[in-house]
Amino acid sequence: MGADILLYSLPHCELTDERIDKITKTVEAVSDKDVLDYNENYLLMELPDLGDMDMVYGEGSELEALATLVRTDILEACFEVLKDADNPRDMASISFPGLGYRVLMTGGMSWGDNPTESSNYLDKVSNFEPLWDLLQKFAEEDCPWQ
């Protein structure tokens, strides 16, 4: 059994108050079902038992409460990685020829764990299509050669 290389990427954009608001609204607009399916498909976080959720949030509200937990996790990961994107210690901002924006990348060899701290965050965000599309739009706006 050997190590595997894992690479993670995300459009590199500046984070402003207006963009934070748009990012938040974009994630909140995704249906509870789609958010929970995303969590299940990409194994982002282990969710509490639905019975426990009834006790905390009231009967019948468990799916909404679980989706809120996943949304919060996605948003926190997004903001954490982008706030340090201009001076990353374990990421690189790369420009590819023909691509109209910069890309944040991180990764490395893995023996069953994430190779960098930033990869934990990028893993939660990079496959969430509505968010990727918005961040790509922002990154294209920020691109100096556009």
C-alpha atoms as a PDB file:
ATOM      1  CA  MET A   1       0.000   0.000   0.000  1.00  0.00           C
ATOM      2  CA  GLY A   2       1.470   3.314  -1.066  1.00  0.00           C
ATOM      3  CA  ALA A   3       0.742   6.963  -0.992  1.00  0.00           C
ATOM      4  CA  ASP A   4      -1.444   8.795  -3.477  1.00  0.00           C
ATOM      5  CA  ILE A   5      -1.088  12.354  -4.707  1.00  0.00           C
ATOM      6  CA  LEU A   6      -4.118  14.533  -4.004  1.00  0.00           C
ATOM      7  CA  LEU A   7      -4.598  17.919  -5.662  1.00  0.00           C
ATOM      8  CA  TYR A   8      -7.287  20.478  -4.881  1.00  0.00           C
ATOM      9  CA  SER A   9      -8.150  23.699  -6.695  1.00  0.00           C
ATOM     10  CA  LEU A  10     -10.493  26.672  -6.525  1.00  0.00           C
ATOM     11  CA  PRO A  11     -10.811  29.905  -8.510  1.00  0.00           C
ATOM     12  CA  HIS A  12      -8.697  32.578  -6.790  1.00  0.00           C
ATOM     13  CA  CYS A  13     -10.689  35.746  -6.169  1.00  0.00           C
ATOM     14  CA  GLU A  14     -10.553  38.680  -3.798  1.00  0.00           C
ATOM     15  CA  LEU A  15     -12.977  38.524  -0.885  1.00  0.00           C
ATOM     16  CA  THR A  16     -14.999  41.727  -0.354  1.00  0.00           C
ATOM     17  CA  ASP A  17     -18.030  42.392   1.828  1.00  0.00           C
ATOM     18  CA  GLU A  18     -20.264  42.446  -1.251  1.00  0.00           C
ATOM     19  CA  ARG A  19     -18.835  39.135  -2.444  1.00  0.00           C
ATOM     20  CA  ILE A  20     -19.204  37.548   0.982  1.00  0.00           C
ATOM     21  CA  ASP A  21     -22.891  38.471   0.837  1.00  0.00           C
ATOM     22  CA  LYS A  22     -23.284  37.003  -2.683  1.00  0.00           C
ATOM     23  CA  ILE A  23     -21.423  33.826  -1.714  1.00  0.00           C
ATOM     24  CA  THR A  24     -23.633  33.379   1.355  1.00  0.00           C
ATOM     25  CA  LYS A  25     -26.835  33.945  -0.641  1.00  0.00           C
ATOM     26  CA  THR A  26     -25.688  31.501  -3.333  1.00  0.00           C
ATOM     27  CA  VAL A  27     -25.050  28.710  -0.825  1.00  0.00           C
ATOM     28  CA  GLU A  28     -28.284  29.430   1.061  1.00  0.00           C
ATOM     29  CA  ALA A  29     -30.294  29.284  -2.194  1.00  0.00           C
ATOM     30  CA  VAL A  30     -29.398  25.626  -2.807  1.00  0.00           C
ATOM     31  CA  SER A  31     -32.182  23.306  -1.675  1.00  0.00           C
ATOM     32  CA  ASP A  32     -31.816  21.311   1.537  1.00  0.00           C
ATOM     33  CA  LYS A  33     -31.980  18.072  -0.456  1.00  0.00           C
ATOM     34  CA  ASP A  34     -29.192  19.140  -2.821  1.00  0.00           C
ATOM     35  CA  VAL A  35     -27.002  20.314   0.059  1.00  0.00           C
ATOM     36  CA  LEU A  36     -27.474  17.026   1.924  1.00  0.00           C
ATOM     37  CA  ASP A  37     -26.863  15.017  -1.263  1.00  0.00           C
ATOM     38  CA  TYR A  38     -23.645  16.971  -1.795  1.00  0.00           C
ATOM     39  CA  ASN A  39     -22.543  16.217   1.755  1.00  0.00           C
ATOM     40  CA  GLU A  40     -23.295  12.529   1.291  1.00  0.00           C
ATOM     41  CA  ASN A  41     -21.622  12.269  -2.133  1.00  0.00           C
ATOM     42  CA  TYR A  42     -18.439  14.035  -1.048  1.00  0.00           C
ATOM     43  CA  LEU A  43     -18.402  12.772   2.573  1.00  0.00           C
ATOM     44  CA  LEU A  44     -17.816  16.239   3.972  1.00  0.00           C
ATOM     45  CA  MET A  45     -19.027  15.827   7.510  1.00  0.00           C
ATOM     46  CA  GLU A  46     -20.567  13.157   9.663  1.00  0.00           C
ATOM     47  CA  LEU A  47     -24.028  14.371  10.554  1.00  0.00           C
ATOM     48  CA  PRO A  48     -25.757  13.766  13.883  1.00  0.00           C
ATOM     49  CA  ASP A  49     -28.501  11.189  14.250  1.00  0.00           C
ATOM     50  CA  LEU A  50     -31.930  12.480  13.207  1.00  0.00           C
ATOM     51  CA  GLY A  51     -33.355  11.560  16.626  1.00  0.00           C
ATOM     52  CA  ASP A  52     -30.798  13.831  18.285  1.00  0.00           C
ATOM     53  CA  MET A  53     -31.782  16.621  15.885  1.00  0.00           C
ATOM     54  CA  ASP A  54     -35.456  16.310  16.939  1.00  0.00           C
ATOM     55  CA  MET A  55     -34.471  16.951  20.545  1.00  0.00           C
ATOM     56  CA  VAL A  56     -32.414  20.037  19.678  1.00  0.00           C
ATOM     57  CA  TYR A  57     -34.422  21.622  16.857  1.00  0.00           C
ATOM     58  CA  GLY A  58     -37.931  20.228  17.333  1.00  0.00           C
ATOM     59  CA  GLU A  59     -39.701  17.396  15.562  1.00  0.00           C
ATOM     60  CA  GLY A  60     -39.880  17.590  11.775  1.00  0.00           C
ATOM     61  CA  SER A  61     -37.108  20.159  11.346  1.00  0.00           C
ATOM     62  CA  GLU A  62     -34.190  17.769  11.203  1.00  0.00           C
ATOM     63  CA  LEU A  63     -33.469  17.929   7.454  1.00  0.00           C
ATOM     64  CA  GLU A  64     -33.479  21.715   7.472  1.00  0.00           C
ATOM     65  CA  ALA A  65     -31.201  21.722  10.524  1.00  0.00           C
ATOM     66  CA  LEU A  66     -28.800  19.211   8.947  1.00  0.00           C
ATOM     67  CA  ALA A  67     -28.677  21.227   5.715  1.00  0.00           C
ATOM     68  CA  THR A  68     -27.922  24.357   7.750  1.00  0.00           C
ATOM     69  CA  LEU A  69     -24.981  22.571   9.383  1.00  0.00           C
ATOM     70  CA  VAL A  70     -23.603  21.565   5.966  1.00  0.00           C
ATOM     71  CA  ARG A  71     -24.128  25.068   4.510  1.00  0.00           C
ATOM     72  CA  THR A  72     -22.302  26.604   7.470  1.00  0.00           C
ATOM     73  CA  ASP A  73     -19.429  24.159   7.013  1.00  0.00           C
ATOM     74  CA  ILE A  74     -19.155  24.981   3.296  1.00  0.00           C
ATOM     75  CA  LEU A  75     -19.244  28.743   3.903  1.00  0.00           C
ATOM     76  CA  GLU A  76     -16.687  28.612   6.713  1.00  0.00           C
ATOM     77  CA  ALA A  77     -14.334  26.578   4.511  1.00  0.00           C
ATOM     78  CA  CYS A  78     -14.774  28.968   1.588  1.00  0.00           C
ATOM     79  CA  PHE A  79     -14.107  32.091   3.650  1.00  0.00           C
ATOM     80  CA  GLU A  80     -11.183  30.512   5.497  1.00  0.00           C
ATOM     81  CA  VAL A  81      -9.340  29.567   2.314  1.00  0.00           C
ATOM     82  CA  LEU A  82     -10.060  32.834   0.473  1.00  0.00           C
ATOM     83  CA  LYS A  83      -9.143  35.157   3.348  1.00  0.00           C
ATOM     84  CA  ASP A  84      -5.580  33.779   3.334  1.00  0.00           C
ATOM     85  CA  ALA A  85      -5.344  33.326  -0.434  1.00  0.00           C
ATOM     86  CA  ASP A  86      -2.956  36.221  -1.043  1.00  0.00           C
ATOM     87  CA  ASN A  87      -0.352  34.911   1.386  1.00  0.00           C
ATOM     88  CA  PRO A  88      -0.854  31.156   1.523  1.00  0.00           C
ATOM     89  CA  ARG A  89       1.602  28.933   3.302  1.00  0.00           C
ATOM     90  CA  ASP A  90       0.338  25.672   1.836  1.00  0.00           C
ATOM     91  CA  MET A  91      -1.311  26.837  -1.406  1.00  0.00           C
ATOM     92  CA  ALA A  92      -0.135  28.351  -4.666  1.00  0.00           C
ATOM     93  CA  SER A  93      -1.937  30.834  -6.878  1.00  0.00           C
ATOM     94  CA  ILE A  94      -1.349  29.687 -10.440  1.00  0.00           C
ATOM     95  CA  SER A  95      -2.155  31.229 -13.832  1.00  0.00           C
ATOM     96  CA  PHE A  96      -2.623  28.764 -16.669  1.00  0.00           C
ATOM     97  CA  PRO A  97      -2.266  29.934 -20.292  1.00  0.00           C
ATOM     98  CA  GLY A  98      -5.686  30.389 -21.870  1.00  0.00           C
ATOM     99  CA  LEU A  99      -7.542  30.303 -18.555  1.00  0.00           C
ATOM    100  CA  GLY A 100      -9.015  33.704 -17.774  1.00  0.00           C
ATOM    101  CA  TYR A 101      -8.436  33.594 -14.014  1.00  0.00           C
ATOM    102  CA  ARG A 102      -5.980  32.497 -11.335  1.00  0.00           C
ATOM    103  CA  VAL A 103      -6.417  29.185  -9.546  1.00  0.00           C
ATOM    104  CA  LEU A 104      -5.585  28.339  -5.939  1.00  0.00           C
ATOM    105  CA  MET A 105      -4.005  24.905  -5.665  1.00  0.00           C
ATOM    106  CA  THR A 106      -2.826  22.750  -2.841  1.00  0.00           C
ATOM    107  CA  GLY A 107      -2.094  19.100  -2.352  1.00  0.00           C
ATOM    108  CA  GLY A 108       0.615  16.553  -1.919  1.00  0.00           C
ATOM    109  CA  MET A 109       1.178  12.941  -1.045  1.00  0.00           C
ATOM    110  CA  SER A 110      -1.420  11.306   1.149  1.00  0.00           C
ATOM    111  CA  TRP A 111      -1.376   8.141   3.187  1.00  0.00           C
ATOM    112  CA  GLY A 112      -5.103   8.329   3.971  1.00  0.00           C
ATOM    113  CA  ASP A 113      -5.170  11.866   5.311  1.00  0.00           C
ATOM    114  CA  ASN A 114      -5.362  15.287   3.690  1.00  0.00           C
ATOM    115  CA  PRO A 115      -1.878  16.453   2.708  1.00  0.00           C
ATOM    116  CA  THR A 116      -2.304  20.115   3.777  1.00  0.00           C
ATOM    117  CA  GLU A 117      -4.533  22.114   6.080  1.00  0.00           C
ATOM    118  CA  SER A 118      -5.901  24.073   3.113  1.00  0.00           C
ATOM    119  CA  SER A 119      -6.865  20.869   1.336  1.00  0.00           C
ATOM    120  CA  ASN A 120      -9.403  20.253   4.115  1.00  0.00           C
ATOM    121  CA  TYR A 121     -11.120  23.520   3.165  1.00  0.00           C
ATOM    122  CA  LEU A 122     -10.796  23.187  -0.605  1.00  0.00           C
ATOM    123  CA  ASP A 123     -12.192  19.654  -0.424  1.00  0.00           C
ATOM    124  CA  LYS A 124     -15.421  21.022   1.086  1.00  0.00           C
ATOM    125  CA  VAL A 125     -15.839  23.783  -1.489  1.00  0.00           C
ATOM    126  CA  SER A 126     -14.325  22.752  -4.815  1.00  0.00           C
ATOM    127  CA  ASN A 127     -17.114  20.422  -6.008  1.00  0.00           C
ATOM    128  CA  PHE A 128     -20.031  22.625  -4.943  1.00  0.00           C
ATOM    129  CA  GLU A 129     -20.940  23.816  -8.453  1.00  0.00           C
ATOM    130  CA  PRO A 130     -23.033  26.919  -7.674  1.00  0.00           C
ATOM    131  CA  LEU A 131     -20.214  28.221  -5.500  1.00  0.00           C
ATOM    132  CA  TRP A 132     -17.463  27.305  -7.991  1.00  0.00           C
ATOM    133  CA  ASP A 133     -19.344  29.140 -10.759  1.00  0.00           C
ATOM    134  CA  LEU A 134     -19.671  32.289  -8.644  1.00  0.00           C
ATOM    135  CA  LEU A 135     -16.032  32.208  -7.509  1.00  0.00           C
ATOM    136  CA  GLN A 136     -14.935  31.723 -11.114  1.00  0.00           C
ATOM    137  CA  LYS A 137     -16.944  34.800 -12.127  1.00  0.00           C
ATOM    138  CA  PHE A 138     -15.275  36.825  -9.357  1.00  0.00           C
ATOM    139  CA  ALA A 139     -11.832  35.478 -10.294  1.00  0.00           C
ATOM    140  CA  GLU A 140     -12.378  36.460 -13.918  1.00  0.00           C
ATOM    141  CA  GLU A 141     -13.323  39.992 -12.780  1.00  0.00           C
ATOM    142  CA  ASP A 142     -10.100  40.150 -10.732  1.00  0.00           C
ATOM    143  CA  CYS A 143      -7.881  38.837 -13.505  1.00  0.00           C
ATOM    144  CA  PRO A 144      -5.456  41.615 -14.550  1.00  0.00           C
ATOM    145  CA  TRP A 145      -5.141  40.484 -18.166  1.00  0.00           C
ATOM    146  CA  GLN A 146      -8.884  40.406 -18.933  1.00  0.00           C
END
